[in-house]
PDB file of N, CA and C in Angstrom:
ATOM      1  N   MET A   1     -46.459 -61.948  68.331  1.00  0.00           N
ATOM      2  CA  MET A   1     -46.685 -60.659  67.723  1.00  0.00           C
ATOM      3  C   MET A   1     -45.724 -59.619  68.274  1.00  0.00           C
ATOM      4  N   GLN A   2     -45.417 -59.699  69.565  1.00  0.00           N
ATOM      5  CA  GLN A   2     -44.513 -58.711  70.146  1.00  0.00           C
ATOM      6  C   GLN A   2     -43.146 -58.790  69.484  1.00  0.00           C
ATOM      7  N   ALA A   3     -42.658 -60.000  69.218  1.00  0.00           N
ATOM      8  CA  ALA A   3     -41.344 -60.151  68.591  1.00  0.00           C
ATOM      9  C   ALA A   3     -41.327 -59.552  67.186  1.00  0.00           C
ATOM     10  N   LYS A   4     -42.466 -59.566  66.507  1.00  0.00           N
ATOM     11  CA  LYS A   4     -42.520 -59.060  65.141  1.00  0.00           C
ATOM     12  C   LYS A   4     -42.744 -57.548  65.078  1.00  0.00           C
ATOM     13  N   PHE A   5     -43.523 -56.991  65.987  1.00  0.00           N
ATOM     14  CA  PHE A   5     -43.960 -55.604  65.865  1.00  0.00           C
ATOM     15  C   PHE A   5     -43.413 -54.651  66.936  1.00  0.00           C
ATOM     16  N   ILE A   6     -42.726 -55.176  67.949  1.00  0.00           N
ATOM     17  CA  ILE A   6     -42.213 -54.337  69.031  1.00  0.00           C
ATOM     18  C   ILE A   6     -40.699 -54.529  69.118  1.00  0.00           C
ATOM     19  N   ASN A   7     -39.946 -53.433  69.225  1.00  0.00           N
ATOM     20  CA  ASN A   7     -38.495 -53.564  69.361  1.00  0.00           C
ATOM     21  C   ASN A   7     -38.125 -53.821  70.818  1.00  0.00           C
ATOM     22  N   LYS A   8     -36.841 -54.053  71.097  1.00  0.00           N
ATOM     23  CA  LYS A   8     -36.416 -54.410  72.457  1.00  0.00           C
ATOM     24  C   LYS A   8     -36.618 -53.285  73.454  1.00  0.00           C
ATOM     25  N   ALA A   9     -36.733 -52.045  72.983  1.00  0.00           N
ATOM     26  CA  ALA A   9     -36.992 -50.923  73.881  1.00  0.00           C
ATOM     27  C   ALA A   9     -38.473 -50.827  74.246  1.00  0.00           C
ATOM     28  N   GLY A  10     -39.316 -51.658  73.592  1.00  0.00           N
ATOM     29  CA  GLY A  10     -40.749 -51.651  73.883  1.00  0.00           C
ATOM     30  C   GLY A  10     -41.555 -50.718  73.011  1.00  0.00           C
ATOM     31  N   ASP A  11     -40.920 -50.149  71.985  1.00  0.00           N
ATOM     32  CA  ASP A  11     -41.610 -49.228  71.083  1.00  0.00           C
ATOM     33  C   ASP A  11     -42.111 -49.968  69.849  1.00  0.00           C
ATOM     34  N   ALA A  12     -43.215 -49.482  69.283  1.00  0.00           N
ATOM     35  CA  ALA A  12     -43.744 -50.071  68.060  1.00  0.00           C
ATOM     36  C   ALA A  12     -42.777 -49.825  66.909  1.00  0.00           C
ATOM     37  N   ILE A  13     -42.569 -50.851  66.104  1.00  0.00           N
ATOM     38  CA  ILE A  13     -41.688 -50.733  64.936  1.00  0.00           C
ATOM     39  C   ILE A  13     -42.383 -49.899  63.871  1.00  0.00           C
ATOM     40  N   GLN A  14     -41.656 -48.977  63.284  1.00  0.00           N
ATOM     41  CA  GLN A  14     -42.198 -48.126  62.220  1.00  0.00           C
ATOM     42  C   GLN A  14     -41.836 -48.729  60.867  1.00  0.00           C
ATOM     43  N   TYR A  15     -42.804 -49.056  60.059  1.00  0.00           N
ATOM     44  CA  TYR A  15     -42.579 -49.636  58.742  1.00  0.00           C
ATOM     45  C   TYR A  15     -42.697 -48.570  57.670  1.00  0.00           C
ATOM     46  N   TYR A  16     -41.995 -48.774  56.572  1.00  0.00           N
ATOM     47  CA  TYR A  16     -42.061 -47.833  55.474  1.00  0.00           C
ATOM     48  C   TYR A  16     -43.246 -48.096  54.570  1.00  0.00           C
ATOM     49  N   LYS A  17     -43.806 -49.326  54.598  1.00  0.00           N
ATOM     50  CA  LYS A  17     -44.978 -49.652  53.787  1.00  0.00           C
ATOM     51  C   LYS A  17     -46.237 -49.439  54.618  1.00  0.00           C
ATOM     52  N   LYS A  18     -47.262 -48.933  53.992  1.00  0.00           N
ATOM     53  CA  LYS A  18     -48.545 -48.759  54.675  1.00  0.00           C
ATOM     54  C   LYS A  18     -49.197 -50.122  54.866  1.00  0.00           C
ATOM     55  N   SER A  19     -49.843 -50.294  55.995  1.00  0.00           N
ATOM     56  CA  SER A  19     -50.534 -51.534  56.298  1.00  0.00           C
ATOM     57  C   SER A  19     -51.992 -51.214  56.602  1.00  0.00           C
ATOM     58  N   THR A  20     -52.873 -52.075  56.141  1.00  0.00           N
ATOM     59  CA  THR A  20     -54.296 -51.854  56.407  1.00  0.00           C
ATOM     60  C   THR A  20     -54.689 -52.314  57.805  1.00  0.00           C
ATOM     61  N   ILE A  21     -53.898 -53.206  58.412  1.00  0.00           N
ATOM     62  CA  ILE A  21     -54.269 -53.713  59.734  1.00  0.00           C
ATOM     63  C   ILE A  21     -53.430 -53.132  60.865  1.00  0.00           C
ATOM     64  N   TRP A  22     -52.261 -52.553  60.561  1.00  0.00           N
ATOM     65  CA  TRP A  22     -51.373 -52.046  61.615  1.00  0.00           C
ATOM     66  C   TRP A  22     -52.032 -50.979  62.489  1.00  0.00           C
ATOM     67  N   PRO A  23     -52.782 -50.012  61.947  1.00  0.00           N
ATOM     68  CA  PRO A  23     -53.449 -49.036  62.826  1.00  0.00           C
ATOM     69  C   PRO A  23     -54.405 -49.701  63.825  1.00  0.00           C
ATOM     70  N   GLY A  24     -55.100 -50.739  63.389  1.00  0.00           N
ATOM     71  CA  GLY A  24     -55.990 -51.459  64.296  1.00  0.00           C
ATOM     72  C   GLY A  24     -55.241 -52.200  65.377  1.00  0.00           C
ATOM     73  N   ILE A  25     -54.089 -52.781  65.030  1.00  0.00           N
ATOM     74  CA  ILE A  25     -53.263 -53.488  66.011  1.00  0.00           C
ATOM     75  C   ILE A  25     -52.750 -52.498  67.053  1.00  0.00           C
ATOM     76  N   LYS A  26     -52.272 -51.334  66.618  1.00  0.00           N
ATOM     77  CA  LYS A  26     -51.769 -50.330  67.552  1.00  0.00           C
ATOM     78  C   LYS A  26     -52.879 -49.816  68.458  1.00  0.00           C
ATOM     79  N   LEU A  27     -54.070 -49.595  67.910  1.00  0.00           N
ATOM     80  CA  LEU A  27     -55.201 -49.128  68.711  1.00  0.00           C
ATOM     81  C   LEU A  27     -55.577 -50.171  69.763  1.00  0.00           C
ATOM     82  N   ALA A  28     -55.680 -51.430  69.352  1.00  0.00           N
ATOM     83  CA  ALA A  28     -56.039 -52.490  70.296  1.00  0.00           C
ATOM     84  C   ALA A  28     -54.985 -52.623  71.394  1.00  0.00           C
ATOM     85  N   ALA A  29     -53.724 -52.489  71.037  1.00  0.00           N
ATOM     86  CA  ALA A  29     -52.651 -52.597  72.031  1.00  0.00           C
ATOM     87  C   ALA A  29     -52.740 -51.465  73.044  1.00  0.00           C
ATOM     88  N   SER A  30     -53.019 -50.258  72.587  1.00  0.00           N
ATOM     89  CA  SER A  30     -53.090 -49.129  73.521  1.00  0.00           C
ATOM     90  C   SER A  30     -54.303 -49.243  74.441  1.00  0.00           C
ATOM     91  N   ILE A  31     -55.389 -49.776  73.949  1.00  0.00           N
ATOM     92  CA  ILE A  31     -56.594 -49.949  74.774  1.00  0.00           C
ATOM     93  C   ILE A  31     -56.402 -51.076  75.794  1.00  0.00           C
ATOM     94  N   ASN A  32     -55.768 -52.171  75.371  1.00  0.00           N
ATOM     95  CA  ASN A  32     -55.651 -53.350  76.229  1.00  0.00           C
ATOM     96  C   ASN A  32     -54.446 -53.347  77.153  1.00  0.00           C
ATOM     97  N   ARG A  33     -53.465 -52.485  76.916  1.00  0.00           N
ATOM     98  CA  ARG A  33     -52.236 -52.493  77.718  1.00  0.00           C
ATOM     99  C   ARG A  33     -52.492 -52.406  79.227  1.00  0.00           C
ATOM    100  N   PRO A  34     -53.416 -51.573  79.714  1.00  0.00           N
ATOM    101  CA  PRO A  34     -53.619 -51.518  81.175  1.00  0.00           C
ATOM    102  C   PRO A  34     -54.148 -52.828  81.768  1.00  0.00           C
ATOM    103  N   TYR A  35     -54.704 -53.701  80.939  1.00  0.00           N
ATOM    104  CA  TYR A  35     -55.314 -54.939  81.430  1.00  0.00           C
ATOM    105  C   TYR A  35     -54.423 -56.157  81.209  1.00  0.00           C
ATOM    106  N   MET A  36     -53.207 -55.952  80.701  1.00  0.00           N
ATOM    107  CA  MET A  36     -52.292 -57.061  80.450  1.00  0.00           C
ATOM    108  C   MET A  36     -51.193 -57.063  81.503  1.00  0.00           C
ATOM    109  N   GLY A  37     -50.677 -58.246  81.798  1.00  0.00           N
ATOM    110  CA  GLY A  37     -49.596 -58.352  82.762  1.00  0.00           C
ATOM    111  C   GLY A  37     -48.919 -59.699  82.679  1.00  0.00           C
ATOM    112  N   TRP A  38     -47.957 -59.910  83.555  1.00  0.00           N
ATOM    113  CA  TRP A  38     -47.196 -61.152  83.597  1.00  0.00           C
ATOM    114  C   TRP A  38     -47.725 -62.055  84.704  1.00  0.00           C
ATOM    115  N   LEU A  39     -47.715 -63.338  84.436  1.00  0.00           N
ATOM    116  CA  LEU A  39     -47.872 -64.340  85.477  1.00  0.00           C
ATOM    117  C   LEU A  39     -46.466 -64.855  85.732  1.00  0.00           C
ATOM    118  N   ILE A  40     -45.910 -64.529  86.870  1.00  0.00           N
ATOM    119  CA  ILE A  40     -44.497 -64.770  87.136  1.00  0.00           C
ATOM    120  C   ILE A  40     -44.156 -66.252  87.247  1.00  0.00           C
ATOM    121  N   GLY A  41     -44.969 -67.035  87.887  1.00  0.00           N
ATOM    122  CA  GLY A  41     -44.640 -68.450  88.066  1.00  0.00           C
ATOM    123  C   GLY A  41     -43.392 -68.595  88.921  1.00  0.00           C
ATOM    124  N   ASN A  42     -42.422 -69.412  88.463  1.00  0.00           N
ATOM    125  CA  ASN A  42     -41.205 -69.610  89.250  1.00  0.00           C
ATOM    126  C   ASN A  42     -40.123 -68.584  88.901  1.00  0.00           C
ATOM    127  N   GLY A  43     -40.343 -67.719  87.925  1.00  0.00           N
ATOM    128  CA  GLY A  43     -39.408 -66.650  87.601  1.00  0.00           C
ATOM    129  C   GLY A  43     -38.275 -67.041  86.672  1.00  0.00           C
ATOM    130  N   ASP A  44     -38.238 -68.272  86.181  1.00  0.00           N
ATOM    131  CA  ASP A  44     -37.141 -68.721  85.323  1.00  0.00           C
ATOM    132  C   ASP A  44     -37.081 -67.981  83.981  1.00  0.00           C
ATOM    133  N   ASN A  45     -38.214 -67.524  83.470  1.00  0.00           N
ATOM    134  CA  ASN A  45     -38.246 -66.908  82.143  1.00  0.00           C
ATOM    135  C   ASN A  45     -38.443 -65.403  82.186  1.00  0.00           C
ATOM    136  N   ILE A  46     -38.150 -64.753  83.277  1.00  0.00           N
ATOM    137  CA  ILE A  46     -38.335 -63.318  83.412  1.00  0.00           C
ATOM    138  C   ILE A  46     -36.991 -62.619  83.182  1.00  0.00           C
ATOM    139  N   ASP A  47     -37.003 -61.613  82.302  1.00  0.00           N
ATOM    140  CA  ASP A  47     -35.804 -60.811  82.042  1.00  0.00           C
ATOM    141  C   ASP A  47     -36.037 -59.450  82.695  1.00  0.00           C
ATOM    142  N   PHE A  48     -35.418 -59.245  83.847  1.00  0.00           N
ATOM    143  CA  PHE A  48     -35.639 -58.035  84.638  1.00  0.00           C
ATOM    144  C   PHE A  48     -35.350 -56.772  83.832  1.00  0.00           C
ATOM    145  N   TRP A  49     -34.326 -56.772  82.993  1.00  0.00           N
ATOM    146  CA  TRP A  49     -33.899 -55.576  82.279  1.00  0.00           C
ATOM    147  C   TRP A  49     -34.695 -55.303  81.013  1.00  0.00           C
ATOM    148  N   MET A  50     -35.199 -56.322  80.337  1.00  0.00           N
ATOM    149  CA  MET A  50     -35.834 -56.131  79.039  1.00  0.00           C
ATOM    150  C   MET A  50     -37.356 -56.277  79.053  1.00  0.00           C
ATOM    151  N   ASP A  51     -37.921 -57.026  79.985  1.00  0.00           N
ATOM    152  CA  ASP A  51     -39.366 -57.237  80.010  1.00  0.00           C
ATOM    153  C   ASP A  51     -40.074 -56.012  80.592  1.00  0.00           C
ATOM    154  N   THR A  52     -41.250 -55.720  80.055  1.00  0.00           N
ATOM    155  CA  THR A  52     -42.028 -54.595  80.575  1.00  0.00           C
ATOM    156  C   THR A  52     -42.972 -55.067  81.662  1.00  0.00           C
TER     157      THR A  52
END
């Protein structure tokens, strides 16, 4: 979902067509963001410059 709805700067993509579910997705993302994070593991797949 992040690849589809979030640009590389980490901002939500603005669409020209109205969506019935997009407001709900944005609301859920803003509520859940403080509780989400990375599990680093061995660090092979971490992009220091682009990952939030």
